[in-house]
Amino acid sequence: MRIMISADMEGATGVTWSGDVVPGTEQWQRFRRLFTGDVNACVTGLVAAGADQVLVNEAHSSQRNLLLEDLHPSARLLTGRHKPLSMMQGVDSDVDGVVFLGYHTGAGSPGVLAHTYLENSITGVWLDGVLASEGRLNAALAAEHGVPVLLVTGDDLTCADAASYAPSALGVAVKQCVSRYAAVCLPPAVSSAQITQAASAAMASAGRGDAVVAPHRIEVEFDATHLAEAAAVVPTVELTGVRRVGFDAASMTEAMKAFKVVTHIAGAAVEDLYG
């Protein structure tokens, strides 16, 4: 039984503002330990309930945040950037379930550090007409490989969001959102215990199902016109409004690869002061 953990950082225990997750800051060094603690708690529960292999895919920013020297010995760490499937690299390697750990709500929604891929330039992403967080996008990609989402951890609004795209998944709210930069947080000892318990229970849902391959449409809205214009240079991407682009793809894998290109180009078009 092989399980994958897609590990983001904004939804980790105690994280509430940008300084907690920006590589190189003093606060980031502190929260790397808490982030690693959440991952280890999850691995502990998965292994206790029968997982033979656990692959942890780093999914935040530089994708070099977790402390390998402190990682649970039953896990393997996929670290570093420029992975073809980004946050979901490894989902195509015959895994039997995926955990979304440290996730957050999407751009245009309330939640601690809410965003979708770009931290502050995207105001909304829609998958097949539905406002989509990174979790919803990644769950659709998992479904394309027949991989169930077993567990989602993050703030309370992230867990509520997950109930709409992965209703069978368990959820652990390690904090309650007060604002985009404030939350009521559980102490690490408490959140770790809850994550371990939920991960163990979630293993009952592990096991690949039928792959669901279908065409999808993604639309992205930016906070400035020039970002949409930059993204529309990509073949198959069309302007659908002054700040909005859209594109169709034959599968979710192709849709996410195109989305990665769109966000990369738009991110490179952001200027320091005016965006």
Foldseek 3Di string as FASTA:
>chain_A
DEEEELQEACFFFPRFDDLCCDPPHPNVLVSLVRSLLLVQLLVLLQVVQPHQEYEYFQQYDQQPRHDPVPHDPRYHYDGGDDALLRSCPPLQVPGFAYEYESFWADALDWTAQHYAPDSAWWRFKDKQRHTDHPVLLVQQVSLQNQHAYQEYGGAPVVQVVCCVRRVNHYYQHQWHDPGNRDTHGDPSVVSSNVSSVSSNVSCVNTGGDDRDWAKMKMKIFTPAQVLLVQLCVDPQWDDPDSGMIMGIDGGSSVVSSSVVVSCVRSVVPDDDPPD
